[in-house]
Every structure is written in C-alpha cells, then in structure tokens.
Amino acid sequence: MATPYIDPYQLDQHRRTVDPHRNAQEARRRVLELAAFMKREEADDAAQPRSRGTASGHAVDMFLALLQDRLPVWLRILDDLMYLVGKGRVSENLLPIARAGIDYYCEVQAASLPAFTSPSVTVRFREAMRDSDIGPMSEIVPLTAYLAAEQRAGRVSPDVVPVASARLLLAGCFSHAYYETLLGADDFLPSRDEVAEEIVRELRLEPPPA
C-alpha cells in the first residue's frame, strides 16, 4: 500500500496552530459523537438489537469510555512534540512517544477484543469512524509534522520520508501491543521499554555525524 499523501500546507498549519489542550478536548467530543452514532444505529437495528446490560453491550460501552479517556491524552502527547523541535536529540524525544504509544495501543486493543465480537457492531464502528476525524491520520499528522520540522532544521536526514517514518513508528507500537495482548506480557516477548528503543533506533532518522 502506498504511503498516503499529506499536504505540506496541512503540516504547516498543524505546526502553527497546534493547541494540545484544544485538540484533546476536540478528540473527546468526537469520541462522544461516535458513541452517540453507534447507539443511534443500534436503536434502528431491529434485526440484531444489542440491549444495554448484556455482556456484549457492556464491553462496547467500556471500550468507548476507555477511548474517550485515553485517545485525547495520546493525541496531546503527539501534539506536544512540536515544543521539542530543535531541542535535545530527535531519538531521545521520540523514545517516550514510542513507549506511550505501546501503552496506549495495549489498553485499547485489550478493551476492543470483547467489544467487537459482533459483525454488526464492527460495521457500525467502521461507519462512525469514517465520519469522524479521529482515525489513523489524527495520529500520523502530528508525528509527521514534528519529523518534517526537525528535518527542516537539519536534525533528521534529508532522505527520510517523514510520513513514512511516522507510520513505521506507530505500526511498531501497534504490532507489539497486538502480540502482547494476544500472548501476554512475559519472557516470551521483549519488554515495552526494549521495544520502544528498538523502534526508534531502527528508524535511523538522524544524519550521521560529520
């Protein structure tokens, strides 16, 4: 699959207008709208009703409540990266981001497994996500904007593609969270700290020393 195109103007606007607090509040509002959409669709679905109080219904409610709490915090962490442009080392700035990403995805995936056992619920969630602005690009854009800003400052190699590197970092976090959710956190898997270090190191973002 090709790397999605991100308009440089969109990145520049994000860099100039980023307000982590406002964006976090906006994300929380959108999750509430997503939950309202799913319940509205549920009420219209007479063929497969999902009554409140059932195990499936409770799992969906718990997942949406967790998403409302965790997603704004995660997006704020990504937005805060813009305050670090030109400061410290890029890899050191990204290390806590990778660790936070693993933590976030582990929580969300663990809650999503019991929530999406019904095909009708999964379809409703997909429809709701298409109409929201809290899909994957809400994570990719702030991370890409940071890497692009560091690249302009000469602190990221010129041959790095910021959006591709952003996707790889997030994918690495998501992948470890998936395996940890599936297999459990034990000696079979490396620790979250070890994985975060590996993800950032293998991106090879910083230019070699002169």
C-alpha atoms as a PDB file:
ATOM      1  CA  MET A   1       0.000   0.000   0.000  1.00  0.00           C
ATOM      2  CA  ALA A   2       1.359   3.421  -0.948  1.00  0.00           C
ATOM      3  CA  THR A   3       2.238   5.946   1.714  1.00  0.00           C
ATOM      4  CA  PRO A   4      -0.719   8.372   1.976  1.00  0.00           C
ATOM      5  CA  TYR A   5      -0.126  11.876   0.683  1.00  0.00           C
ATOM      6  CA  ILE A   6      -0.116  14.620   3.275  1.00  0.00           C
ATOM      7  CA  ASP A   7      -0.407  18.167   2.032  1.00  0.00           C
ATOM      8  CA  PRO A   8       2.612  20.201   3.262  1.00  0.00           C
ATOM      9  CA  TYR A   9       0.178  23.048   3.951  1.00  0.00           C
ATOM     10  CA  GLN A  10      -1.697  20.756   6.320  1.00  0.00           C
ATOM     11  CA  LEU A  11       1.520  20.053   8.219  1.00  0.00           C
ATOM     12  CA  ASP A  12       2.452  23.731   8.326  1.00  0.00           C
ATOM     13  CA  GLN A  13      -0.993  24.630   9.632  1.00  0.00           C
ATOM     14  CA  HIS A  14      -0.680  21.980  12.305  1.00  0.00           C
ATOM     15  CA  ARG A  15       2.719  23.316  13.324  1.00  0.00           C
ATOM     16  CA  ARG A  16       1.499  26.919  13.513  1.00  0.00           C
ATOM     17  CA  THR A  17      -1.867  26.366  15.137  1.00  0.00           C
ATOM     18  CA  VAL A  18      -1.295  23.320  17.336  1.00  0.00           C
ATOM     19  CA  ASP A  19      -3.089  23.683  20.652  1.00  0.00           C
ATOM     20  CA  PRO A  20      -2.722  20.368  22.511  1.00  0.00           C
ATOM     21  CA  HIS A  21      -5.410  21.197  25.078  1.00  0.00           C
ATOM     22  CA  ARG A  22      -7.958  22.257  22.464  1.00  0.00           C
ATOM     23  CA  ASN A  23      -7.165  19.272  20.261  1.00  0.00           C
ATOM     24  CA  ALA A  24      -7.553  16.893  23.205  1.00  0.00           C
ATOM     25  CA  GLN A  25     -10.945  18.371  24.024  1.00  0.00           C
ATOM     26  CA  GLU A  26     -11.970  18.109  20.377  1.00  0.00           C
ATOM     27  CA  ALA A  27     -10.937  14.436  20.286  1.00  0.00           C
ATOM     28  CA  ARG A  28     -13.008  13.736  23.391  1.00  0.00           C
ATOM     29  CA  ARG A  29     -16.023  15.421  21.787  1.00  0.00           C
ATOM     30  CA  ARG A  30     -15.631  13.355  18.639  1.00  0.00           C
ATOM     31  CA  VAL A  31     -15.494  10.105  20.605  1.00  0.00           C
ATOM     32  CA  LEU A  32     -18.747  11.115  22.303  1.00  0.00           C
ATOM     33  CA  GLU A  33     -20.279  11.739  18.874  1.00  0.00           C
ATOM     34  CA  LEU A  34     -19.003   8.351  17.728  1.00  0.00           C
ATOM     35  CA  ALA A  35     -20.639   6.669  20.729  1.00  0.00           C
ATOM     36  CA  ALA A  36     -23.903   8.517  20.079  1.00  0.00           C
ATOM     37  CA  PHE A  37     -23.848   7.393  16.433  1.00  0.00           C
ATOM     38  CA  MET A  38     -23.351   3.767  17.393  1.00  0.00           C
ATOM     39  CA  LYS A  39     -26.212   3.839  19.884  1.00  0.00           C
ATOM     40  CA  ARG A  40     -28.466   5.560  17.377  1.00  0.00           C
ATOM     41  CA  GLU A  41     -27.674   2.919  14.773  1.00  0.00           C
ATOM     42  CA  GLU A  42     -28.198   0.226  17.381  1.00  0.00           C
ATOM     43  CA  ALA A  43     -31.676   1.520  18.137  1.00  0.00           C
ATOM     44  CA  ASP A  44     -32.521   1.347  14.420  1.00  0.00           C
ATOM     45  CA  ASP A  45     -31.183  -2.188  14.074  1.00  0.00           C
ATOM     46  CA  ALA A  46     -34.268  -4.223  14.919  1.00  0.00           C
ATOM     47  CA  ALA A  47     -32.831  -7.414  13.466  1.00  0.00           C
ATOM     48  CA  GLN A  48     -29.923  -7.661  15.897  1.00  0.00           C
ATOM     49  CA  PRO A  49     -30.626  -5.496  18.952  1.00  0.00           C
ATOM     50  CA  ARG A  50     -27.868  -5.019  21.479  1.00  0.00           C
ATOM     51  CA  SER A  51     -29.589  -4.369  24.780  1.00  0.00           C
ATOM     52  CA  ARG A  52     -27.820  -2.423  27.456  1.00  0.00           C
ATOM     53  CA  GLY A  53     -26.715  -4.662  30.273  1.00  0.00           C
ATOM     54  CA  THR A  54     -25.744  -7.567  28.030  1.00  0.00           C
ATOM     55  CA  ALA A  55     -22.140  -8.732  28.074  1.00  0.00           C
ATOM     56  CA  SER A  56     -21.587  -7.504  24.517  1.00  0.00           C
ATOM     57  CA  GLY A  57     -23.231  -4.153  25.164  1.00  0.00           C
ATOM     58  CA  HIS A  58     -21.242  -3.607  28.340  1.00  0.00           C
ATOM     59  CA  ALA A  59     -17.980  -4.413  26.508  1.00  0.00           C
ATOM     60  CA  VAL A  60     -18.728  -1.826  23.804  1.00  0.00           C
ATOM     61  CA  ASP A  61     -19.638   0.798  26.397  1.00  0.00           C
ATOM     62  CA  MET A  62     -16.412   0.091  28.298  1.00  0.00           C
ATOM     63  CA  PHE A  63     -14.347   0.341  25.106  1.00  0.00           C
ATOM     64  CA  LEU A  64     -15.868   3.701  24.148  1.00  0.00           C
ATOM     65  CA  ALA A  65     -15.407   5.019  27.692  1.00  0.00           C
ATOM     66  CA  LEU A  66     -11.744   3.988  27.595  1.00  0.00           C
ATOM     67  CA  LEU A  67     -11.285   5.571  24.160  1.00  0.00           C
ATOM     68  CA  GLN A  68     -12.844   8.807  25.392  1.00  0.00           C
ATOM     69  CA  ASP A  69     -10.343   8.882  28.248  1.00  0.00           C
ATOM     70  CA  ARG A  70      -7.175   7.629  26.558  1.00  0.00           C
ATOM     71  CA  LEU A  71      -7.318   8.973  22.987  1.00  0.00           C
ATOM     72  CA  PRO A  72      -7.231  12.693  23.938  1.00  0.00           C
ATOM     73  CA  VAL A  73      -4.226  12.053  26.193  1.00  0.00           C
ATOM     74  CA  TRP A  74      -2.405  10.151  23.435  1.00  0.00           C
ATOM     75  CA  LEU A  75      -3.068  12.858  20.831  1.00  0.00           C
ATOM     76  CA  ARG A  76      -1.921  15.534  23.261  1.00  0.00           C
ATOM     77  CA  ILE A  77       1.357  13.654  23.749  1.00  0.00           C
ATOM     78  CA  LEU A  78       1.859  13.687  19.978  1.00  0.00           C
ATOM     79  CA  ASP A  79       0.938  17.385  19.672  1.00  0.00           C
ATOM     80  CA  ASP A  80       3.401  18.287  22.441  1.00  0.00           C
ATOM     81  CA  LEU A  81       6.255  17.071  20.238  1.00  0.00           C
ATOM     82  CA  MET A  82       6.185  20.397  18.393  1.00  0.00           C
ATOM     83  CA  TYR A  83       7.505  22.082  21.534  1.00  0.00           C
ATOM     84  CA  LEU A  84      10.631  19.919  21.293  1.00  0.00           C
ATOM     85  CA  VAL A  85      11.691  20.916  17.772  1.00  0.00           C
ATOM     86  CA  GLY A  86      15.361  21.868  17.896  1.00  0.00           C
ATOM     87  CA  LYS A  87      15.771  20.641  21.476  1.00  0.00           C
ATOM     88  CA  GLY A  88      17.640  17.572  22.688  1.00  0.00           C
ATOM     89  CA  ARG A  89      18.132  14.685  20.286  1.00  0.00           C
ATOM     90  CA  VAL A  90      15.375  13.566  17.961  1.00  0.00           C
ATOM     91  CA  SER A  91      15.725   9.927  19.045  1.00  0.00           C
ATOM     92  CA  GLU A  92      15.548  10.910  22.709  1.00  0.00           C
ATOM     93  CA  ASN A  93      12.427  12.967  22.029  1.00  0.00           C
ATOM     94  CA  LEU A  94      10.756  10.044  20.272  1.00  0.00           C
ATOM     95  CA  LEU A  95      11.607   7.368  22.821  1.00  0.00           C
ATOM     96  CA  PRO A  96       8.875   8.325  25.331  1.00  0.00           C
ATOM     97  CA  ILE A  97       6.478   8.700  22.387  1.00  0.00           C
ATOM     98  CA  ALA A  98       7.083   5.108  21.316  1.00  0.00           C
ATOM     99  CA  ARG A  99       6.646   3.866  24.872  1.00  0.00           C
ATOM    100  CA  ALA A 100       3.444   5.878  25.321  1.00  0.00           C
ATOM    101  CA  GLY A 101       2.176   4.525  22.008  1.00  0.00           C
ATOM    102  CA  ILE A 102       2.731   0.932  23.106  1.00  0.00           C
ATOM    103  CA  ASP A 103       0.925   1.611  26.393  1.00  0.00           C
ATOM    104  CA  TYR A 104      -1.988   3.263  24.584  1.00  0.00           C
ATOM    105  CA  TYR A 105      -2.420   0.521  21.986  1.00  0.00           C
ATOM    106  CA  CYS A 106      -2.171  -2.217  24.626  1.00  0.00           C
ATOM    107  CA  GLU A 107      -5.025  -0.679  26.604  1.00  0.00           C
ATOM    108  CA  VAL A 108      -7.197  -0.001  23.579  1.00  0.00           C
ATOM    109  CA  GLN A 109      -6.678  -3.407  21.982  1.00  0.00           C
ATOM    110  CA  ALA A 110      -7.383  -5.237  25.226  1.00  0.00           C
ATOM    111  CA  ALA A 111     -10.693  -3.370  25.512  1.00  0.00           C
ATOM    112  CA  SER A 112     -11.599  -3.821  21.840  1.00  0.00           C
ATOM    113  CA  LEU A 113     -11.320  -7.629  21.775  1.00  0.00           C
ATOM    114  CA  PRO A 114     -14.502  -8.325  23.784  1.00  0.00           C
ATOM    115  CA  ALA A 115     -16.276  -5.313  22.248  1.00  0.00           C
ATOM    116  CA  PHE A 116     -16.114  -6.299  18.586  1.00  0.00           C
ATOM    117  CA  THR A 117     -17.330  -9.879  18.649  1.00  0.00           C
ATOM    118  CA  SER A 118     -20.476  -8.906  16.745  1.00  0.00           C
ATOM    119  CA  PRO A 119     -20.194  -8.171  12.994  1.00  0.00           C
ATOM    120  CA  SER A 120     -22.997  -5.612  13.235  1.00  0.00           C
ATOM    121  CA  VAL A 121     -21.172  -3.692  15.985  1.00  0.00           C
ATOM    122  CA  THR A 122     -17.962  -3.754  13.941  1.00  0.00           C
ATOM    123  CA  VAL A 123     -19.765  -2.389  10.880  1.00  0.00           C
ATOM    124  CA  ARG A 124     -21.350   0.400  12.925  1.00  0.00           C
ATOM    125  CA  PHE A 125     -17.974   1.331  14.377  1.00  0.00           C
ATOM    126  CA  ARG A 126     -16.369   1.473  10.920  1.00  0.00           C
ATOM    127  CA  GLU A 127     -19.165   3.716   9.663  1.00  0.00           C
ATOM    128  CA  ALA A 128     -18.781   6.014  12.652  1.00  0.00           C
ATOM    129  CA  MET A 129     -15.009   6.227  12.190  1.00  0.00           C
ATOM    130  CA  ARG A 130     -15.386   7.200   8.529  1.00  0.00           C
ATOM    131  CA  ASP A 131     -17.428  10.233   9.556  1.00  0.00           C
ATOM    132  CA  SER A 132     -15.054  11.305  12.323  1.00  0.00           C
ATOM    133  CA  ASP A 133     -11.615  12.924  12.397  1.00  0.00           C
ATOM    134  CA  ILE A 134     -10.139  10.508  14.920  1.00  0.00           C
ATOM    135  CA  GLY A 135      -8.893   7.865  12.516  1.00  0.00           C
ATOM    136  CA  PRO A 136      -5.232   6.967  11.885  1.00  0.00           C
ATOM    137  CA  MET A 137      -4.410  10.336  10.319  1.00  0.00           C
ATOM    138  CA  SER A 138      -5.104  12.088  13.637  1.00  0.00           C
ATOM    139  CA  GLU A 139      -2.009  10.295  14.939  1.00  0.00           C
ATOM    140  CA  ILE A 140       0.085  10.382  11.767  1.00  0.00           C
ATOM    141  CA  VAL A 141      -0.231  14.131  11.092  1.00  0.00           C
ATOM    142  CA  PRO A 142       1.247  15.488  14.361  1.00  0.00           C
ATOM    143  CA  LEU A 143       4.095  12.975  14.300  1.00  0.00           C
ATOM    144  CA  THR A 144       4.807  13.752  10.653  1.00  0.00           C
ATOM    145  CA  ALA A 145       4.704  17.485  11.362  1.00  0.00           C
ATOM    146  CA  TYR A 146       7.316  17.069  14.080  1.00  0.00           C
ATOM    147  CA  LEU A 147       9.643  14.977  11.920  1.00  0.00           C
ATOM    148  CA  ALA A 148       9.257  17.400   8.997  1.00  0.00           C
ATOM    149  CA  ALA A 149      10.107  20.350  11.261  1.00  0.00           C
ATOM    150  CA  GLU A 150      13.199  18.569  12.584  1.00  0.00           C
ATOM    151  CA  GLN A 151      14.180  17.720   9.007  1.00  0.00           C
ATOM    152  CA  ARG A 152      13.970  21.387   8.015  1.00  0.00           C
ATOM    153  CA  ALA A 153      16.215  22.145  10.981  1.00  0.00           C
ATOM    154  CA  GLY A 154      18.784  19.623   9.682  1.00  0.00           C
ATOM    155  CA  ARG A 155      18.283  17.251  12.619  1.00  0.00           C
ATOM    156  CA  VAL A 156      16.660  14.490  10.525  1.00  0.00           C
ATOM    157  CA  SER A 157      18.383  13.050   7.448  1.00  0.00           C
ATOM    158  CA  PRO A 158      17.217  14.585   4.154  1.00  0.00           C
ATOM    159  CA  ASP A 159      16.474  11.139   2.690  1.00  0.00           C
ATOM    160  CA  VAL A 160      13.940  10.360   5.429  1.00  0.00           C
ATOM    161  CA  VAL A 161      10.265  10.499   4.392  1.00  0.00           C
ATOM    162  CA  PRO A 162       8.547  11.961   7.495  1.00  0.00           C
ATOM    163  CA  VAL A 163       5.102  10.465   6.880  1.00  0.00           C
ATOM    164  CA  ALA A 164       6.529   7.002   6.203  1.00  0.00           C
ATOM    165  CA  SER A 165       8.672   7.167   9.356  1.00  0.00           C
ATOM    166  CA  ALA A 166       5.660   8.308  11.371  1.00  0.00           C
ATOM    167  CA  ARG A 167       3.645   5.348  10.098  1.00  0.00           C
ATOM    168  CA  LEU A 168       6.504   2.935  10.866  1.00  0.00           C
ATOM    169  CA  LEU A 169       6.860   4.180  14.429  1.00  0.00           C
ATOM    170  CA  LEU A 170       3.135   3.855  15.091  1.00  0.00           C
ATOM    171  CA  ALA A 171       2.983   0.468  13.348  1.00  0.00           C
ATOM    172  CA  GLY A 172       5.806  -0.841  15.511  1.00  0.00           C
ATOM    173  CA  CYS A 173       3.977   0.240  18.651  1.00  0.00           C
ATOM    174  CA  PHE A 174       0.722  -1.280  17.421  1.00  0.00           C
ATOM    175  CA  SER A 175       2.385  -4.557  16.446  1.00  0.00           C
ATOM    176  CA  HIS A 176       3.964  -5.104  19.862  1.00  0.00           C
ATOM    177  CA  ALA A 177       0.691  -4.215  21.569  1.00  0.00           C
ATOM    178  CA  TYR A 178      -1.109  -6.783  19.422  1.00  0.00           C
ATOM    179  CA  TYR A 179       1.271  -9.586  20.328  1.00  0.00           C
ATOM    180  CA  GLU A 180       1.309  -8.625  23.995  1.00  0.00           C
ATOM    181  CA  THR A 181      -2.496  -8.582  24.060  1.00  0.00           C
ATOM    182  CA  LEU A 182      -2.626 -11.947  22.300  1.00  0.00           C
ATOM    183  CA  LEU A 183       0.218 -13.753  24.063  1.00  0.00           C
ATOM    184  CA  GLY A 184       0.539 -11.874  27.344  1.00  0.00           C
ATOM    185  CA  ALA A 185       3.462  -9.892  28.724  1.00  0.00           C
ATOM    186  CA  ASP A 186       6.018 -12.473  29.790  1.00  0.00           C
ATOM    187  CA  ASP A 187       9.539 -13.619  28.971  1.00  0.00           C
ATOM    188  CA  PHE A 188       8.374 -14.691  25.507  1.00  0.00           C
ATOM    189  CA  LEU A 189       8.284 -11.036  24.403  1.00  0.00           C
ATOM    190  CA  PRO A 190      10.785  -8.201  24.959  1.00  0.00           C
ATOM    191  CA  SER A 191       9.762  -5.508  27.410  1.00  0.00           C
ATOM    192  CA  ARG A 192       7.900  -2.413  26.283  1.00  0.00           C
ATOM    193  CA  ASP A 193      10.974  -0.284  27.010  1.00  0.00           C
ATOM    194  CA  GLU A 194      13.168  -2.542  24.898  1.00  0.00           C
ATOM    195  CA  VAL A 195      10.727  -2.466  22.007  1.00  0.00           C
ATOM    196  CA  ALA A 196      10.399   1.332  22.174  1.00  0.00           C
ATOM    197  CA  GLU A 197      14.194   1.666  21.953  1.00  0.00           C
ATOM    198  CA  GLU A 198      14.353  -0.745  19.004  1.00  0.00           C
ATOM    199  CA  ILE A 199      11.604   1.055  17.098  1.00  0.00           C
ATOM    200  CA  VAL A 200      13.236   4.468  17.431  1.00  0.00           C
ATOM    201  CA  ARG A 201      16.753   3.195  16.763  1.00  0.00           C
ATOM    202  CA  GLU A 202      15.833   1.289  13.611  1.00  0.00           C
ATOM    203  CA  LEU A 203      14.070   4.288  12.083  1.00  0.00           C
ATOM    204  CA  ARG A 204      17.591   5.737  11.604  1.00  0.00           C
ATOM    205  CA  LEU A 205      16.296   9.291  11.478  1.00  0.00           C
ATOM    206  CA  GLU A 206      19.308  11.348  12.495  1.00  0.00           C
ATOM    207  CA  PRO A 207      22.024  12.215   9.989  1.00  0.00           C
ATOM    208  CA  PRO A 208      25.380  10.510  10.531  1.00  0.00           C
ATOM    209  CA  PRO A 209      27.996  12.580  12.368  1.00  0.00           C
ATOM    210  CA  ALA A 210      30.112  14.732  10.094  1.00  0.00           C
END
